[in-house]
Amino acid sequence: MLTFEIIKEENEFKKTNREQCVNFLHAHLDRFRDDKQDISKCIDYAMQKDCGKGGLILIAYYEEELAGVLVMNKTGMSGFIPENILVYIAVDPKFRGKGIGGKIIEKAISMTKGNIKLHVEYDNPATKLYERIGFKTKYAEMRFENKK
């Protein structure tokens, strides 16, 4: 049985704490991972209540065991940029192939107002999952790293 813990404020962490979420995401994002410091900043942003900021953390448990974590942030934009960005989703490899990733995303979508975007590497196998749920490719992303 799949159950969820929904975190919108720092004091709502119960079964799984913030550090466990950071470590889980870092471990299970595999080659697509960010540094723990960056994951932590993303969670900080999701917990903010300033206008246009915030988001949610969705923690999934399969038979009471931590199975997946999702972090969604608000962009503070509307129209030309979707209002939300699905920044991180990871499922423990031992629970993959059970539909848990899809259920986590669908739960997050049901709790979110406005459009949602995500960034995904072209060779990420999760792309097929995102397409099945209804995400579509709109643009190729290009980045410039400003060294200043």
C-alpha atoms as a PDB file:
ATOM      1  CA  MET A   1       0.000   0.000   0.000  1.00  0.00           C
ATOM      2  CA  LEU A   2       1.271   3.457  -0.951  1.00  0.00           C
ATOM      3  CA  THR A   3       0.859   6.348   1.485  1.00  0.00           C
ATOM      4  CA  PHE A   4       2.008   9.955   1.303  1.00  0.00           C
ATOM      5  CA  GLU A   5       3.395  12.582   3.628  1.00  0.00           C
ATOM      6  CA  ILE A   6       2.839  16.100   2.283  1.00  0.00           C
ATOM      7  CA  ILE A   7       5.191  18.828   3.471  1.00  0.00           C
ATOM      8  CA  LYS A   8       4.480  22.506   2.837  1.00  0.00           C
ATOM      9  CA  GLU A   9       6.129  23.923   5.960  1.00  0.00           C
ATOM     10  CA  GLU A  10       9.331  22.995   7.768  1.00  0.00           C
ATOM     11  CA  ASN A  11       7.477  21.846  10.908  1.00  0.00           C
ATOM     12  CA  GLU A  12       5.431  19.278   8.958  1.00  0.00           C
ATOM     13  CA  PHE A  13       8.266  16.759   8.569  1.00  0.00           C
ATOM     14  CA  LYS A  14       7.193  13.730  10.611  1.00  0.00           C
ATOM     15  CA  LYS A  15       8.248  10.190   9.601  1.00  0.00           C
ATOM     16  CA  THR A  16      11.074  11.333   7.355  1.00  0.00           C
ATOM     17  CA  ASN A  17      13.023  14.465   8.190  1.00  0.00           C
ATOM     18  CA  ARG A  18      14.528  17.054   5.878  1.00  0.00           C
ATOM     19  CA  GLU A  19      18.058  15.578   6.027  1.00  0.00           C
ATOM     20  CA  GLN A  20      16.714  12.130   5.109  1.00  0.00           C
ATOM     21  CA  CYS A  21      14.958  13.682   2.087  1.00  0.00           C
ATOM     22  CA  VAL A  22      18.170  15.366   0.943  1.00  0.00           C
ATOM     23  CA  ASN A  23      20.138  12.131   1.375  1.00  0.00           C
ATOM     24  CA  PHE A  24      17.434  10.065  -0.350  1.00  0.00           C
ATOM     25  CA  LEU A  25      17.303  12.367  -3.370  1.00  0.00           C
ATOM     26  CA  HIS A  26      21.085  12.547  -3.588  1.00  0.00           C
ATOM     27  CA  ALA A  27      21.413   8.762  -3.445  1.00  0.00           C
ATOM     28  CA  HIS A  28      18.553   7.836  -5.773  1.00  0.00           C
ATOM     29  CA  LEU A  29      18.811  10.465  -8.507  1.00  0.00           C
ATOM     30  CA  ASP A  30      21.770   8.431  -9.736  1.00  0.00           C
ATOM     31  CA  ARG A  31      23.774  10.161 -12.482  1.00  0.00           C
ATOM     32  CA  PHE A  32      21.201  12.987 -12.652  1.00  0.00           C
ATOM     33  CA  ARG A  33      21.855  14.106  -9.074  1.00  0.00           C
ATOM     34  CA  ASP A  34      22.801  17.527  -7.781  1.00  0.00           C
ATOM     35  CA  ASP A  35      25.003  18.283  -4.791  1.00  0.00           C
ATOM     36  CA  LYS A  36      23.364  17.876  -1.393  1.00  0.00           C
ATOM     37  CA  GLN A  37      23.759  21.619  -0.820  1.00  0.00           C
ATOM     38  CA  ASP A  38      21.730  22.394  -3.959  1.00  0.00           C
ATOM     39  CA  ILE A  39      19.046  19.853  -3.043  1.00  0.00           C
ATOM     40  CA  SER A  40      18.820  21.458   0.391  1.00  0.00           C
ATOM     41  CA  LYS A  41      18.435  24.932  -1.160  1.00  0.00           C
ATOM     42  CA  CYS A  42      15.589  23.611  -3.294  1.00  0.00           C
ATOM     43  CA  ILE A  43      13.827  22.284  -0.197  1.00  0.00           C
ATOM     44  CA  ASP A  44      14.419  25.650   1.539  1.00  0.00           C
ATOM     45  CA  TYR A  45      12.728  27.382  -1.385  1.00  0.00           C
ATOM     46  CA  ALA A  46       9.750  24.997  -1.247  1.00  0.00           C
ATOM     47  CA  MET A  47       9.250  25.881   2.438  1.00  0.00           C
ATOM     48  CA  GLN A  48       9.166  29.670   1.866  1.00  0.00           C
ATOM     49  CA  LYS A  49       5.943  31.606   2.239  1.00  0.00           C
ATOM     50  CA  ASP A  50       7.019  34.796   0.423  1.00  0.00           C
ATOM     51  CA  CYS A  51       4.789  35.907  -2.443  1.00  0.00           C
ATOM     52  CA  GLY A  52       5.433  33.758  -5.514  1.00  0.00           C
ATOM     53  CA  LYS A  53       7.671  31.310  -3.654  1.00  0.00           C
ATOM     54  CA  GLY A  54       7.009  28.006  -1.936  1.00  0.00           C
ATOM     55  CA  GLY A  55       6.010  24.607  -3.145  1.00  0.00           C
ATOM     56  CA  LEU A  56       5.702  21.163  -1.644  1.00  0.00           C
ATOM     57  CA  ILE A  57       7.577  18.017  -0.795  1.00  0.00           C
ATOM     58  CA  LEU A  58       5.798  14.743  -1.304  1.00  0.00           C
ATOM     59  CA  ILE A  59       7.201  11.704   0.475  1.00  0.00           C
ATOM     60  CA  ALA A  60       5.895   8.285  -0.556  1.00  0.00           C
ATOM     61  CA  TYR A  61       5.947   5.181   1.619  1.00  0.00           C
ATOM     62  CA  TYR A  62       5.381   1.691   0.284  1.00  0.00           C
ATOM     63  CA  GLU A  63       4.230  -0.539   3.137  1.00  0.00           C
ATOM     64  CA  GLU A  64       5.643   2.020   5.632  1.00  0.00           C
ATOM     65  CA  GLU A  65       9.097   2.078   3.964  1.00  0.00           C
ATOM     66  CA  LEU A  66      10.462   5.250   2.324  1.00  0.00           C
ATOM     67  CA  ALA A  67       9.989   4.652  -1.401  1.00  0.00           C
ATOM     68  CA  GLY A  68      10.113   8.044  -3.115  1.00  0.00           C
ATOM     69  CA  VAL A  69      10.497  11.802  -2.731  1.00  0.00           C
ATOM     70  CA  LEU A  70       9.300  14.639  -4.962  1.00  0.00           C
ATOM     71  CA  VAL A  71      10.067  18.359  -4.646  1.00  0.00           C
ATOM     72  CA  MET A  72       7.908  20.892  -6.507  1.00  0.00           C
ATOM     73  CA  ASN A  73       8.673  24.623  -6.410  1.00  0.00           C
ATOM     74  CA  LYS A  74       6.549  27.580  -7.425  1.00  0.00           C
ATOM     75  CA  THR A  75       8.151  29.785 -10.057  1.00  0.00           C
ATOM     76  CA  GLY A  76       6.294  32.986  -9.211  1.00  0.00           C
ATOM     77  CA  MET A  77       5.506  33.277 -12.926  1.00  0.00           C
ATOM     78  CA  SER A  78       2.406  32.639 -14.954  1.00  0.00           C
ATOM     79  CA  GLY A  79       1.689  32.349 -18.629  1.00  0.00           C
ATOM     80  CA  PHE A  80       5.012  32.405 -20.433  1.00  0.00           C
ATOM     81  CA  ILE A  81       6.637  30.268 -17.723  1.00  0.00           C
ATOM     82  CA  PRO A  82       4.627  27.586 -15.904  1.00  0.00           C
ATOM     83  CA  GLU A  83       3.702  28.429 -12.326  1.00  0.00           C
ATOM     84  CA  ASN A  84       5.408  25.293 -10.965  1.00  0.00           C
ATOM     85  CA  ILE A  85       8.562  23.325 -11.591  1.00  0.00           C
ATOM     86  CA  LEU A  86       8.956  19.690 -10.639  1.00  0.00           C
ATOM     87  CA  VAL A  87      12.576  19.926  -9.540  1.00  0.00           C
ATOM     88  CA  TYR A  88      13.238  16.464  -8.101  1.00  0.00           C
ATOM     89  CA  ILE A  89      11.605  13.075  -8.109  1.00  0.00           C
ATOM     90  CA  ALA A  90      13.359   9.880  -7.114  1.00  0.00           C
ATOM     91  CA  VAL A  91      12.177   6.372  -6.347  1.00  0.00           C
ATOM     92  CA  ASP A  92      14.290   3.813  -4.511  1.00  0.00           C
ATOM     93  CA  PRO A  93      15.464   1.255  -7.123  1.00  0.00           C
ATOM     94  CA  LYS A  94      13.950  -1.630  -5.164  1.00  0.00           C
ATOM     95  CA  PHE A  95      10.491  -0.058  -5.677  1.00  0.00           C
ATOM     96  CA  ARG A  96      10.879   0.877  -9.342  1.00  0.00           C
ATOM     97  CA  GLY A  97       8.613  -0.798 -11.862  1.00  0.00           C
ATOM     98  CA  LYS A  98       5.619  -0.761  -9.483  1.00  0.00           C
ATOM     99  CA  GLY A  99       4.073   2.486 -10.796  1.00  0.00           C
ATOM    100  CA  ILE A 100       5.145   4.424  -7.711  1.00  0.00           C
ATOM    101  CA  GLY A 101       6.851   7.238  -9.637  1.00  0.00           C
ATOM    102  CA  GLY A 102       3.703   7.872 -11.649  1.00  0.00           C
ATOM    103  CA  LYS A 103       1.510   7.838  -8.563  1.00  0.00           C
ATOM    104  CA  ILE A 104       3.803  10.314  -6.813  1.00  0.00           C
ATOM    105  CA  ILE A 105       3.680  12.697  -9.785  1.00  0.00           C
ATOM    106  CA  GLU A 106      -0.088  12.338 -10.178  1.00  0.00           C
ATOM    107  CA  LYS A 107      -0.579  13.081  -6.466  1.00  0.00           C
ATOM    108  CA  ALA A 108       1.604  16.201  -6.783  1.00  0.00           C
ATOM    109  CA  ILE A 109      -0.325  17.332  -9.874  1.00  0.00           C
ATOM    110  CA  SER A 110      -3.625  16.941  -8.015  1.00  0.00           C
ATOM    111  CA  MET A 111      -2.331  19.242  -5.257  1.00  0.00           C
ATOM    112  CA  THR A 112      -0.872  21.906  -7.550  1.00  0.00           C
ATOM    113  CA  LYS A 113      -2.577  24.916  -9.123  1.00  0.00           C
ATOM    114  CA  GLY A 114      -1.302  26.049 -12.502  1.00  0.00           C
ATOM    115  CA  ASN A 115       0.930  24.508 -15.113  1.00  0.00           C
ATOM    116  CA  ILE A 116       3.991  22.424 -14.305  1.00  0.00           C
ATOM    117  CA  LYS A 117       7.318  22.098 -16.060  1.00  0.00           C
ATOM    118  CA  LEU A 118      10.321  19.900 -15.459  1.00  0.00           C
ATOM    119  CA  HIS A 119      13.795  19.555 -16.885  1.00  0.00           C
ATOM    120  CA  VAL A 120      14.885  16.115 -17.998  1.00  0.00           C
ATOM    121  CA  GLU A 121      17.988  14.869 -19.771  1.00  0.00           C
ATOM    122  CA  TYR A 122      17.266  13.407 -23.202  1.00  0.00           C
ATOM    123  CA  ASP A 123      18.681  10.016 -22.192  1.00  0.00           C
ATOM    124  CA  ASN A 124      16.811   9.775 -18.882  1.00  0.00           C
ATOM    125  CA  PRO A 125      14.560   6.676 -18.972  1.00  0.00           C
ATOM    126  CA  ALA A 126      11.994   8.562 -16.851  1.00  0.00           C
ATOM    127  CA  THR A 127      11.130  10.597 -19.964  1.00  0.00           C
ATOM    128  CA  LYS A 128       8.696   7.854 -20.996  1.00  0.00           C
ATOM    129  CA  LEU A 129       6.917   8.110 -17.635  1.00  0.00           C
ATOM    130  CA  TYR A 130       6.585  11.890 -17.954  1.00  0.00           C
ATOM    131  CA  GLU A 131       5.159  11.537 -21.466  1.00  0.00           C
ATOM    132  CA  ARG A 132       2.627   8.896 -20.320  1.00  0.00           C
ATOM    133  CA  ILE A 133       1.418  11.301 -17.628  1.00  0.00           C
ATOM    134  CA  GLY A 134       0.991  14.072 -20.203  1.00  0.00           C
ATOM    135  CA  PHE A 135       4.175  16.167 -20.124  1.00  0.00           C
ATOM    136  CA  LYS A 136       5.217  17.380 -23.558  1.00  0.00           C
ATOM    137  CA  THR A 137       8.504  18.684 -24.915  1.00  0.00           C
ATOM    138  CA  LYS A 138       8.229  22.370 -25.719  1.00  0.00           C
ATOM    139  CA  TYR A 139      11.775  23.723 -25.875  1.00  0.00           C
ATOM    140  CA  ALA A 140      15.338  22.512 -25.794  1.00  0.00           C
ATOM    141  CA  GLU A 141      17.085  24.176 -22.870  1.00  0.00           C
ATOM    142  CA  MET A 142      20.361  25.997 -23.293  1.00  0.00           C
ATOM    143  CA  ARG A 143      22.364  27.498 -20.448  1.00  0.00           C
ATOM    144  CA  PHE A 144      25.110  30.042 -20.119  1.00  0.00           C
ATOM    145  CA  GLU A 145      27.296  29.851 -17.028  1.00  0.00           C
ATOM    146  CA  ASN A 146      28.208  33.371 -16.005  1.00  0.00           C
ATOM    147  CA  LYS A 147      31.564  33.212 -14.233  1.00  0.00           C
ATOM    148  CA  LYS A 148      31.221  36.728 -12.743  1.00  0.00           C
END
